[in-house]
N, C-alpha and C. Protein backbone atom coordinates (compact mmCIF):
# COMPACT_ATOMS: atom_id res chain seq x y z
N MET A 1 104.36 106.93 14.11
CA MET A 1 105.51 107.81 14.07
C MET A 1 106.41 107.45 12.89
N LYS A 2 106.52 106.14 12.62
CA LYS A 2 107.35 105.69 11.51
C LYS A 2 106.78 106.18 10.18
N ASN A 3 105.46 106.14 10.05
CA ASN A 3 104.83 106.61 8.82
C ASN A 3 105.03 108.10 8.63
N PHE A 4 104.97 108.87 9.72
CA PHE A 4 105.20 110.31 9.62
C PHE A 4 106.61 110.61 9.16
N PHE A 5 107.59 109.86 9.68
CA PHE A 5 108.99 110.05 9.27
C PHE A 5 109.16 109.74 7.79
N LEU A 6 108.60 108.62 7.35
CA LEU A 6 108.72 108.25 5.94
C LEU A 6 108.03 109.26 5.04
N LEU A 7 106.88 109.76 5.47
CA LEU A 7 106.17 110.77 4.69
C LEU A 7 106.96 112.07 4.60
N SER A 8 107.60 112.48 5.70
CA SER A 8 108.37 113.71 5.67
C SER A 8 109.62 113.56 4.80
N VAL A 9 110.27 112.41 4.84
CA VAL A 9 111.43 112.17 3.97
C VAL A 9 111.01 112.19 2.51
N PHE A 10 109.88 111.56 2.21
CA PHE A 10 109.38 111.57 0.83
C PHE A 10 109.04 112.98 0.38
N ALA A 11 108.45 113.79 1.26
CA ALA A 11 108.09 115.17 0.90
C ALA A 11 109.34 116.01 0.62
N VAL A 12 110.41 115.75 1.36
CA VAL A 12 111.64 116.50 1.14
C VAL A 12 112.30 116.09 -0.17
N LEU A 13 112.24 114.82 -0.47
CA LEU A 13 112.90 114.31 -1.69
C LEU A 13 112.04 114.41 -2.94
N LEU A 14 110.78 114.79 -2.80
CA LEU A 14 109.86 114.84 -3.92
C LEU A 14 110.34 115.73 -5.08
N PRO A 15 110.88 116.93 -4.83
CA PRO A 15 111.35 117.72 -5.98
C PRO A 15 112.43 117.02 -6.80
N ASN A 16 113.32 116.28 -6.13
CA ASN A 16 114.36 115.57 -6.87
C ASN A 16 113.78 114.40 -7.65
N ILE A 17 112.76 113.77 -7.12
CA ILE A 17 112.14 112.64 -7.81
C ILE A 17 111.32 113.14 -9.00
N ALA A 18 110.60 114.25 -8.83
CA ALA A 18 109.73 114.76 -9.88
C ALA A 18 110.52 115.26 -11.08
N TYR A 19 111.66 115.88 -10.85
CA TYR A 19 112.47 116.42 -11.94
C TYR A 19 113.64 115.53 -12.28
N ALA A 20 113.51 114.26 -11.99
CA ALA A 20 114.60 113.34 -12.23
C ALA A 20 114.88 113.23 -13.73
N ALA A 21 116.13 113.38 -14.05
CA ALA A 21 116.58 113.23 -15.43
C ALA A 21 117.81 112.33 -15.40
N PRO A 22 118.05 111.63 -16.46
CA PRO A 22 119.22 110.76 -16.44
C PRO A 22 120.50 111.59 -16.33
N ALA A 23 121.34 111.18 -15.43
CA ALA A 23 122.61 111.89 -15.22
C ALA A 23 123.55 111.58 -16.38
N THR A 24 124.19 112.61 -16.88
CA THR A 24 125.05 112.42 -18.03
C THR A 24 126.52 112.31 -17.66
N ASP A 25 126.89 112.86 -16.52
CA ASP A 25 128.29 112.79 -16.13
C ASP A 25 128.42 112.75 -14.61
N PHE A 26 129.65 112.64 -14.17
CA PHE A 26 129.94 112.52 -12.74
C PHE A 26 129.55 113.78 -11.98
N MET A 27 129.78 114.96 -12.55
CA MET A 27 129.46 116.21 -11.85
C MET A 27 127.97 116.37 -11.61
N SER A 28 127.15 115.94 -12.54
CA SER A 28 125.71 116.04 -12.31
C SER A 28 125.26 115.07 -11.22
N LEU A 29 125.88 113.89 -11.17
CA LEU A 29 125.59 112.96 -10.08
C LEU A 29 126.01 113.54 -8.73
N MET A 30 127.17 114.19 -8.70
CA MET A 30 127.63 114.81 -7.45
C MET A 30 126.70 115.95 -7.05
N GLN A 31 126.22 116.71 -8.01
CA GLN A 31 125.29 117.81 -7.71
C GLN A 31 123.99 117.27 -7.11
N ILE A 32 123.49 116.16 -7.65
CA ILE A 32 122.28 115.54 -7.10
C ILE A 32 122.55 115.04 -5.69
N PHE A 33 123.69 114.40 -5.48
CA PHE A 33 124.04 113.90 -4.16
C PHE A 33 124.15 115.04 -3.15
N LEU A 34 124.81 116.13 -3.54
CA LEU A 34 124.97 117.26 -2.63
C LEU A 34 123.64 117.95 -2.34
N ASP A 35 122.75 117.97 -3.33
CA ASP A 35 121.43 118.53 -3.11
C ASP A 35 120.65 117.69 -2.10
N LEU A 36 120.70 116.38 -2.26
CA LEU A 36 120.05 115.50 -1.29
C LEU A 36 120.66 115.64 0.10
N LEU A 37 121.97 115.75 0.15
CA LEU A 37 122.64 115.92 1.43
C LEU A 37 122.24 117.23 2.10
N GLY A 38 122.11 118.28 1.33
CA GLY A 38 121.67 119.56 1.88
C GLY A 38 120.27 119.48 2.43
N ARG A 39 119.38 118.79 1.72
CA ARG A 39 118.00 118.63 2.22
C ARG A 39 117.99 117.77 3.48
N PHE A 40 118.79 116.73 3.52
CA PHE A 40 118.86 115.88 4.70
C PHE A 40 119.41 116.65 5.90
N MET A 41 120.41 117.48 5.67
CA MET A 41 120.96 118.29 6.76
C MET A 41 119.93 119.26 7.30
N THR A 42 119.07 119.79 6.44
CA THR A 42 118.00 120.66 6.91
C THR A 42 117.07 119.91 7.84
N LEU A 43 116.76 118.65 7.50
CA LEU A 43 115.94 117.83 8.39
C LEU A 43 116.64 117.58 9.72
N LEU A 44 117.95 117.35 9.68
CA LEU A 44 118.68 117.12 10.92
C LEU A 44 118.73 118.37 11.79
N TYR A 45 118.90 119.55 11.17
CA TYR A 45 118.85 120.80 11.93
C TYR A 45 117.50 120.95 12.62
N ALA A 46 116.43 120.69 11.89
CA ALA A 46 115.09 120.81 12.45
C ALA A 46 114.88 119.82 13.59
N ALA A 47 115.36 118.59 13.42
CA ALA A 47 115.20 117.58 14.47
C ALA A 47 115.95 117.98 15.75
N ALA A 48 117.16 118.50 15.61
CA ALA A 48 117.91 118.93 16.78
C ALA A 48 117.25 120.13 17.46
N PHE A 49 116.69 121.02 16.67
CA PHE A 49 115.99 122.18 17.21
C PHE A 49 114.75 121.75 17.99
N VAL A 50 113.99 120.82 17.42
CA VAL A 50 112.79 120.30 18.08
C VAL A 50 113.19 119.54 19.35
N ALA A 51 114.28 118.79 19.31
CA ALA A 51 114.75 118.05 20.49
C ALA A 51 115.11 119.01 21.62
N PHE A 52 115.70 120.15 21.28
CA PHE A 52 116.04 121.12 22.31
C PHE A 52 114.78 121.65 22.98
N PHE A 53 113.78 122.00 22.19
CA PHE A 53 112.55 122.51 22.79
C PHE A 53 111.77 121.41 23.51
N TRP A 54 111.91 120.17 23.06
CA TRP A 54 111.29 119.07 23.80
C TRP A 54 111.95 118.94 25.18
N GLY A 55 113.25 119.14 25.26
CA GLY A 55 113.94 119.13 26.55
C GLY A 55 113.45 120.25 27.46
N ILE A 56 113.18 121.42 26.89
CA ILE A 56 112.66 122.53 27.69
C ILE A 56 111.27 122.18 28.23
N VAL A 57 110.43 121.60 27.37
CA VAL A 57 109.08 121.22 27.81
C VAL A 57 109.16 120.16 28.90
N LYS A 58 110.03 119.17 28.74
CA LYS A 58 110.18 118.14 29.76
C LYS A 58 110.71 118.73 31.06
N TYR A 59 111.59 119.70 30.98
CA TYR A 59 112.13 120.34 32.18
C TYR A 59 111.04 121.09 32.93
N ILE A 60 110.18 121.77 32.20
CA ILE A 60 109.09 122.50 32.84
C ILE A 60 108.07 121.53 33.45
N TRP A 61 107.77 120.44 32.77
CA TRP A 61 106.81 119.46 33.29
C TRP A 61 107.32 118.76 34.54
N ASN A 62 108.63 118.55 34.62
CA ASN A 62 109.21 117.79 35.73
C ASN A 62 109.93 118.69 36.73
N THR A 63 109.29 119.76 37.14
CA THR A 63 109.95 120.67 38.09
C THR A 63 110.15 120.05 39.46
N ASP A 64 109.32 119.09 39.83
CA ASP A 64 109.43 118.46 41.15
C ASP A 64 110.29 117.20 41.13
N ASP A 65 110.48 116.61 39.98
CA ASP A 65 111.19 115.33 39.86
C ASP A 65 112.63 115.58 39.42
N THR A 66 113.59 115.24 40.27
CA THR A 66 115.00 115.48 39.93
C THR A 66 115.47 114.59 38.78
N LYS A 67 114.98 113.33 38.74
CA LYS A 67 115.38 112.44 37.65
C LYS A 67 114.82 112.93 36.31
N GLY A 68 113.58 113.42 36.31
CA GLY A 68 112.99 113.96 35.10
C GLY A 68 113.71 115.21 34.62
N ARG A 69 114.14 116.06 35.56
CA ARG A 69 114.89 117.26 35.18
C ARG A 69 116.25 116.89 34.60
N ALA A 70 116.88 115.85 35.18
CA ALA A 70 118.18 115.42 34.65
C ALA A 70 118.03 114.87 33.24
N ASP A 71 116.95 114.11 33.00
CA ASP A 71 116.69 113.60 31.65
C ASP A 71 116.44 114.74 30.67
N ALA A 72 115.67 115.73 31.10
CA ALA A 72 115.39 116.88 30.24
C ALA A 72 116.67 117.67 29.96
N THR A 73 117.52 117.79 30.96
CA THR A 73 118.79 118.49 30.76
C THR A 73 119.66 117.75 29.76
N ASN A 74 119.65 116.42 29.81
CA ASN A 74 120.40 115.63 28.82
C ASN A 74 119.87 115.87 27.42
N TRP A 75 118.55 115.94 27.26
CA TRP A 75 117.96 116.25 25.94
C TRP A 75 118.49 117.59 25.43
N MET A 76 118.47 118.59 26.29
CA MET A 76 118.88 119.93 25.86
C MET A 76 120.37 119.97 25.54
N VAL A 77 121.18 119.36 26.39
CA VAL A 77 122.63 119.40 26.18
C VAL A 77 123.01 118.68 24.89
N TRP A 78 122.46 117.49 24.67
CA TRP A 78 122.84 116.73 23.48
C TRP A 78 122.31 117.35 22.20
N SER A 79 121.15 118.01 22.28
CA SER A 79 120.67 118.69 21.08
C SER A 79 121.53 119.90 20.75
N VAL A 80 122.01 120.62 21.76
CA VAL A 80 122.92 121.74 21.51
C VAL A 80 124.25 121.22 20.95
N VAL A 81 124.73 120.11 21.48
CA VAL A 81 125.97 119.51 20.96
C VAL A 81 125.77 119.11 19.50
N ALA A 82 124.63 118.51 19.17
CA ALA A 82 124.36 118.11 17.79
C ALA A 82 124.31 119.32 16.87
N LEU A 83 123.63 120.39 17.30
CA LEU A 83 123.59 121.61 16.49
C LEU A 83 124.98 122.20 16.30
N PHE A 84 125.78 122.21 17.36
CA PHE A 84 127.13 122.74 17.26
C PHE A 84 127.98 121.94 16.28
N VAL A 85 127.88 120.61 16.35
CA VAL A 85 128.67 119.77 15.45
C VAL A 85 128.23 119.97 14.00
N MET A 86 126.92 120.03 13.77
CA MET A 86 126.44 120.21 12.39
C MET A 86 126.85 121.56 11.82
N VAL A 87 126.71 122.62 12.62
CA VAL A 87 127.09 123.95 12.13
C VAL A 87 128.60 124.02 11.90
N THR A 88 129.37 123.40 12.79
CA THR A 88 130.82 123.41 12.62
C THR A 88 131.24 122.66 11.36
N LEU A 89 130.64 121.49 11.13
CA LEU A 89 130.99 120.74 9.92
C LEU A 89 130.61 121.49 8.66
N TRP A 90 129.43 122.14 8.64
CA TRP A 90 129.06 122.91 7.45
C TRP A 90 129.97 124.13 7.30
N GLY A 91 130.46 124.66 8.42
CA GLY A 91 131.42 125.75 8.33
C GLY A 91 132.73 125.31 7.70
N ILE A 92 133.18 124.12 8.08
CA ILE A 92 134.41 123.58 7.48
C ILE A 92 134.19 123.30 6.00
N VAL A 93 133.03 122.74 5.66
CA VAL A 93 132.73 122.49 4.24
C VAL A 93 132.68 123.81 3.48
N GLY A 94 132.06 124.83 4.08
CA GLY A 94 132.01 126.15 3.44
C GLY A 94 133.39 126.74 3.24
N LEU A 95 134.27 126.56 4.23
CA LEU A 95 135.64 127.03 4.10
C LEU A 95 136.36 126.33 2.95
N LEU A 96 136.18 125.02 2.85
CA LEU A 96 136.81 124.28 1.76
C LEU A 96 136.24 124.68 0.40
N VAL A 97 134.92 124.89 0.35
CA VAL A 97 134.29 125.30 -0.90
C VAL A 97 134.83 126.65 -1.35
N ASN A 98 134.92 127.59 -0.42
CA ASN A 98 135.44 128.92 -0.78
C ASN A 98 136.92 128.88 -1.10
N THR A 99 137.67 128.02 -0.42
CA THR A 99 139.11 127.93 -0.67
C THR A 99 139.40 127.38 -2.07
N PHE A 100 138.66 126.36 -2.48
CA PHE A 100 138.91 125.73 -3.76
C PHE A 100 138.07 126.29 -4.89
N GLY A 101 137.28 127.32 -4.63
CA GLY A 101 136.54 128.00 -5.68
C GLY A 101 135.38 127.23 -6.26
N MET A 102 134.73 126.40 -5.47
CA MET A 102 133.57 125.65 -5.95
C MET A 102 132.32 126.51 -5.83
N THR A 103 131.22 126.05 -6.40
CA THR A 103 129.97 126.80 -6.28
C THR A 103 129.28 126.42 -4.98
N PRO A 104 128.98 127.38 -4.11
CA PRO A 104 128.43 127.08 -2.78
C PRO A 104 126.91 127.03 -2.75
N THR A 105 126.24 126.68 -3.83
CA THR A 105 124.78 126.76 -3.86
C THR A 105 124.11 125.66 -3.06
N VAL A 106 124.79 124.57 -2.74
CA VAL A 106 124.15 123.47 -2.03
C VAL A 106 124.42 123.50 -0.54
N ILE A 107 125.22 124.44 -0.06
CA ILE A 107 125.53 124.50 1.35
C ILE A 107 124.58 125.47 2.03
N PRO A 108 123.84 125.00 3.03
CA PRO A 108 122.91 125.91 3.71
C PRO A 108 123.65 127.09 4.32
N GLY A 109 123.15 128.27 4.07
CA GLY A 109 123.74 129.48 4.61
C GLY A 109 124.78 130.13 3.71
N LEU A 110 125.23 129.44 2.66
CA LEU A 110 126.23 130.02 1.78
C LEU A 110 125.70 130.29 0.37
N ALA A 111 124.42 130.05 0.17
CA ALA A 111 123.86 130.28 -1.17
C ALA A 111 123.91 131.75 -1.51
N THR A 112 124.30 132.05 -2.73
CA THR A 112 124.40 133.46 -3.15
C THR A 112 123.27 133.85 -4.03
C-alpha cells in the first residue's frame, strides 16, 4: 500500500518534475508551489470521496453487526466533513483571489 501511495504521488508530480526549469523570481516559485498544492488537493478530494464510498461498502457488508455499522457510519461522516472543509477552504481562497484580482488558474473549479 505504501508503494502504491508513493507511485501515485510521483505520477501526480511528474509533469512538474519533467518540465522543471530554474525559477527566476519569487512569483514563479509561488506559481510552482500553488500548482503542486492544487494537485495535492485533487488527491485529497479523491481520497475523501473513496473513503465515503468505502464507508457505504462497509455499511452494506455489516448489516447485522451494530459495531460494524457504527464504524462505517463514522467513515461516511468524517469523509463528508473532510470534503466540506476542503470545499469551504477552496471557496474562501477563491473569494480572496477574486477580491484581490489574482489569476485563479491554480484553484480547482475556478480555472477560466
